[in-house]
Amino acid sequence: MSDPEHDDGPRLPPPPQPPDPSECCNSGCEPCVFELYEDALERWEARVERIREQWRRQREDPGGG
């Protein structure tokens, strides 16, 4: 039986969920719920890239040496 993590790529965390438009009060809050979401999305993207890079390195050198 094959390992799906090594066949299809690493397991990745789910992306953050965007806020519902009704969550914004449109009063210029600082930070706005949409800004918080964008920040969370950027952190998620960076985390995913680190996970993928680590996975690629492990595939290239499975023995670690």
N, C-alpha and C. Protein backbone atom coordinates (compact mmCIF):
# COMPACT_ATOMS: atom_id res chain seq x y z
N MET A 1 0.85 -1.19 0.00
CA MET A 1 0.00 0.00 0.00
C MET A 1 0.89 1.24 0.00
N SER A 2 0.59 2.22 -0.83
CA SER A 2 1.43 3.41 -0.93
C SER A 2 1.01 4.45 0.11
N ASP A 3 1.95 5.32 0.42
CA ASP A 3 1.72 6.39 1.38
C ASP A 3 1.17 7.60 0.63
N PRO A 4 -0.08 8.01 0.89
CA PRO A 4 -0.66 9.12 0.13
C PRO A 4 0.10 10.43 0.34
N GLU A 5 0.74 10.61 1.50
CA GLU A 5 1.47 11.83 1.73
C GLU A 5 2.64 11.95 0.76
N HIS A 6 3.26 10.82 0.41
CA HIS A 6 4.40 10.85 -0.48
C HIS A 6 3.99 10.75 -1.94
N ASP A 7 2.80 10.32 -2.22
CA ASP A 7 2.34 10.23 -3.60
C ASP A 7 1.75 11.56 -4.08
N ASP A 8 0.99 12.22 -3.24
CA ASP A 8 0.23 13.40 -3.65
C ASP A 8 0.78 14.70 -3.08
N GLY A 9 1.71 14.63 -2.18
CA GLY A 9 2.23 15.83 -1.53
C GLY A 9 1.95 15.78 -0.05
N PRO A 10 2.43 16.77 0.66
CA PRO A 10 2.26 16.77 2.11
C PRO A 10 0.83 17.12 2.51
N ARG A 11 0.49 16.75 3.72
CA ARG A 11 -0.81 17.17 4.26
C ARG A 11 -0.69 18.63 4.64
N LEU A 12 -1.63 19.40 4.20
CA LEU A 12 -1.60 20.84 4.44
C LEU A 12 -2.73 21.26 5.36
N PRO A 13 -2.48 22.29 6.18
CA PRO A 13 -3.56 22.79 7.02
C PRO A 13 -4.63 23.46 6.16
N PRO A 14 -5.85 23.48 6.63
CA PRO A 14 -6.90 24.14 5.85
C PRO A 14 -6.67 25.65 5.84
N PRO A 15 -7.04 26.32 4.76
CA PRO A 15 -6.88 27.77 4.72
C PRO A 15 -7.86 28.46 5.66
N PRO A 16 -7.55 29.68 6.06
CA PRO A 16 -8.51 30.40 6.90
C PRO A 16 -9.78 30.69 6.11
N GLN A 17 -10.87 30.74 6.80
CA GLN A 17 -12.15 31.02 6.16
C GLN A 17 -12.34 32.53 6.06
N PRO A 18 -12.74 33.02 4.90
CA PRO A 18 -12.98 34.46 4.78
C PRO A 18 -14.17 34.87 5.63
N PRO A 19 -14.13 36.09 6.11
CA PRO A 19 -15.28 36.56 6.88
C PRO A 19 -16.50 36.75 5.99
N ASP A 20 -17.64 36.59 6.57
CA ASP A 20 -18.88 36.87 5.86
C ASP A 20 -18.97 38.39 5.67
N PRO A 21 -19.45 38.83 4.54
CA PRO A 21 -19.57 40.29 4.34
C PRO A 21 -20.34 40.99 5.46
N SER A 22 -21.26 40.29 6.09
CA SER A 22 -22.05 40.92 7.16
C SER A 22 -21.21 41.14 8.43
N GLU A 23 -20.02 40.53 8.51
CA GLU A 23 -19.17 40.71 9.68
C GLU A 23 -18.47 42.07 9.68
N CYS A 24 -18.44 42.74 8.53
CA CYS A 24 -17.83 44.06 8.45
C CYS A 24 -18.89 45.10 8.77
N CYS A 25 -18.54 46.01 9.68
CA CYS A 25 -19.52 47.04 10.09
C CYS A 25 -19.44 48.29 9.22
N ASN A 26 -18.46 48.33 8.30
CA ASN A 26 -18.30 49.46 7.39
C ASN A 26 -18.10 50.79 8.10
N SER A 27 -17.47 50.74 9.28
CA SER A 27 -17.23 52.00 9.99
C SER A 27 -15.73 52.33 10.08
N GLY A 28 -14.94 51.64 9.28
CA GLY A 28 -13.52 51.95 9.23
C GLY A 28 -12.72 51.41 10.40
N CYS A 29 -13.15 50.31 10.96
CA CYS A 29 -12.43 49.70 12.09
C CYS A 29 -10.97 49.46 11.71
N GLU A 30 -10.12 49.57 12.71
CA GLU A 30 -8.70 49.32 12.51
C GLU A 30 -8.25 48.31 13.54
N PRO A 31 -8.02 47.07 13.18
CA PRO A 31 -8.09 46.54 11.83
C PRO A 31 -9.50 46.02 11.51
N CYS A 32 -9.80 46.00 10.26
CA CYS A 32 -11.07 45.48 9.76
C CYS A 32 -11.00 43.95 9.73
N VAL A 33 -12.15 43.30 9.82
CA VAL A 33 -12.16 41.83 9.77
C VAL A 33 -11.55 41.32 8.46
N PHE A 34 -11.67 42.11 7.38
CA PHE A 34 -11.07 41.69 6.11
C PHE A 34 -9.55 41.81 6.15
N GLU A 35 -9.03 42.80 6.87
CA GLU A 35 -7.58 42.92 7.05
C GLU A 35 -7.05 41.76 7.89
N LEU A 36 -7.79 41.40 8.92
CA LEU A 36 -7.39 40.26 9.74
C LEU A 36 -7.37 38.98 8.92
N TYR A 37 -8.35 38.83 8.06
CA TYR A 37 -8.40 37.66 7.19
C TYR A 37 -7.20 37.66 6.24
N GLU A 38 -6.88 38.79 5.63
CA GLU A 38 -5.74 38.87 4.72
C GLU A 38 -4.44 38.52 5.45
N ASP A 39 -4.28 38.99 6.67
CA ASP A 39 -3.10 38.65 7.46
C ASP A 39 -3.04 37.14 7.71
N ALA A 40 -4.17 36.56 8.09
CA ALA A 40 -4.22 35.12 8.34
C ALA A 40 -3.93 34.34 7.07
N LEU A 41 -4.43 34.81 5.94
CA LEU A 41 -4.19 34.14 4.67
C LEU A 41 -2.70 34.19 4.30
N GLU A 42 -2.06 35.33 4.51
CA GLU A 42 -0.63 35.44 4.23
C GLU A 42 0.18 34.50 5.12
N ARG A 43 -0.18 34.42 6.40
CA ARG A 43 0.52 33.48 7.30
C ARG A 43 0.31 32.04 6.87
N TRP A 44 -0.92 31.71 6.46
CA TRP A 44 -1.22 30.35 5.99
C TRP A 44 -0.40 30.03 4.74
N GLU A 45 -0.35 30.96 3.79
CA GLU A 45 0.41 30.72 2.56
C GLU A 45 1.89 30.49 2.87
N ALA A 46 2.46 31.27 3.77
CA ALA A 46 3.86 31.09 4.15
C ALA A 46 4.06 29.73 4.82
N ARG A 47 3.14 29.35 5.68
CA ARG A 47 3.24 28.05 6.35
C ARG A 47 3.17 26.91 5.34
N VAL A 48 2.24 27.00 4.40
CA VAL A 48 2.09 25.97 3.37
C VAL A 48 3.37 25.86 2.54
N GLU A 49 3.96 26.99 2.20
CA GLU A 49 5.20 26.96 1.42
C GLU A 49 6.33 26.29 2.21
N ARG A 50 6.42 26.57 3.50
CA ARG A 50 7.44 25.90 4.34
C ARG A 50 7.21 24.40 4.38
N ILE A 51 5.96 23.98 4.53
CA ILE A 51 5.63 22.56 4.57
C ILE A 51 5.98 21.90 3.24
N ARG A 52 5.63 22.54 2.15
CA ARG A 52 5.93 21.97 0.83
C ARG A 52 7.43 21.88 0.58
N GLU A 53 8.15 22.91 0.99
CA GLU A 53 9.61 22.90 0.80
C GLU A 53 10.24 21.79 1.63
N GLN A 54 9.81 21.62 2.85
CA GLN A 54 10.33 20.54 3.69
C GLN A 54 10.00 19.19 3.07
N TRP A 55 8.81 19.04 2.54
CA TRP A 55 8.40 17.79 1.90
C TRP A 55 9.27 17.51 0.68
N ARG A 56 9.53 18.55 -0.13
CA ARG A 56 10.39 18.37 -1.32
C ARG A 56 11.79 17.93 -0.91
N ARG A 57 12.33 18.57 0.12
CA ARG A 57 13.68 18.20 0.58
C ARG A 57 13.71 16.76 1.07
N GLN A 58 12.68 16.34 1.77
CA GLN A 58 12.63 14.96 2.26
C GLN A 58 12.53 13.96 1.11
N ARG A 59 11.82 14.34 0.06
CA ARG A 59 11.72 13.43 -1.11
C ARG A 59 13.05 13.33 -1.84
N GLU A 60 13.79 14.43 -1.90
CA GLU A 60 15.08 14.43 -2.57
C GLU A 60 16.12 13.66 -1.78
N ASP A 61 16.03 13.70 -0.44
CA ASP A 61 17.01 13.04 0.41
C ASP A 61 16.27 12.32 1.54
N PRO A 62 15.61 11.19 1.23
CA PRO A 62 14.80 10.49 2.24
C PRO A 62 15.62 10.00 3.43
N GLY A 63 16.93 9.76 3.22
CA GLY A 63 17.78 9.30 4.33
C GLY A 63 18.24 10.41 5.24
N GLY A 64 18.03 11.67 4.83
CA GLY A 64 18.40 12.79 5.66
C GLY A 64 19.89 13.06 5.68
N GLY A 65 20.64 12.45 4.79
CA GLY A 65 22.06 12.65 4.94
C GLY A 65 22.77 13.04 3.74
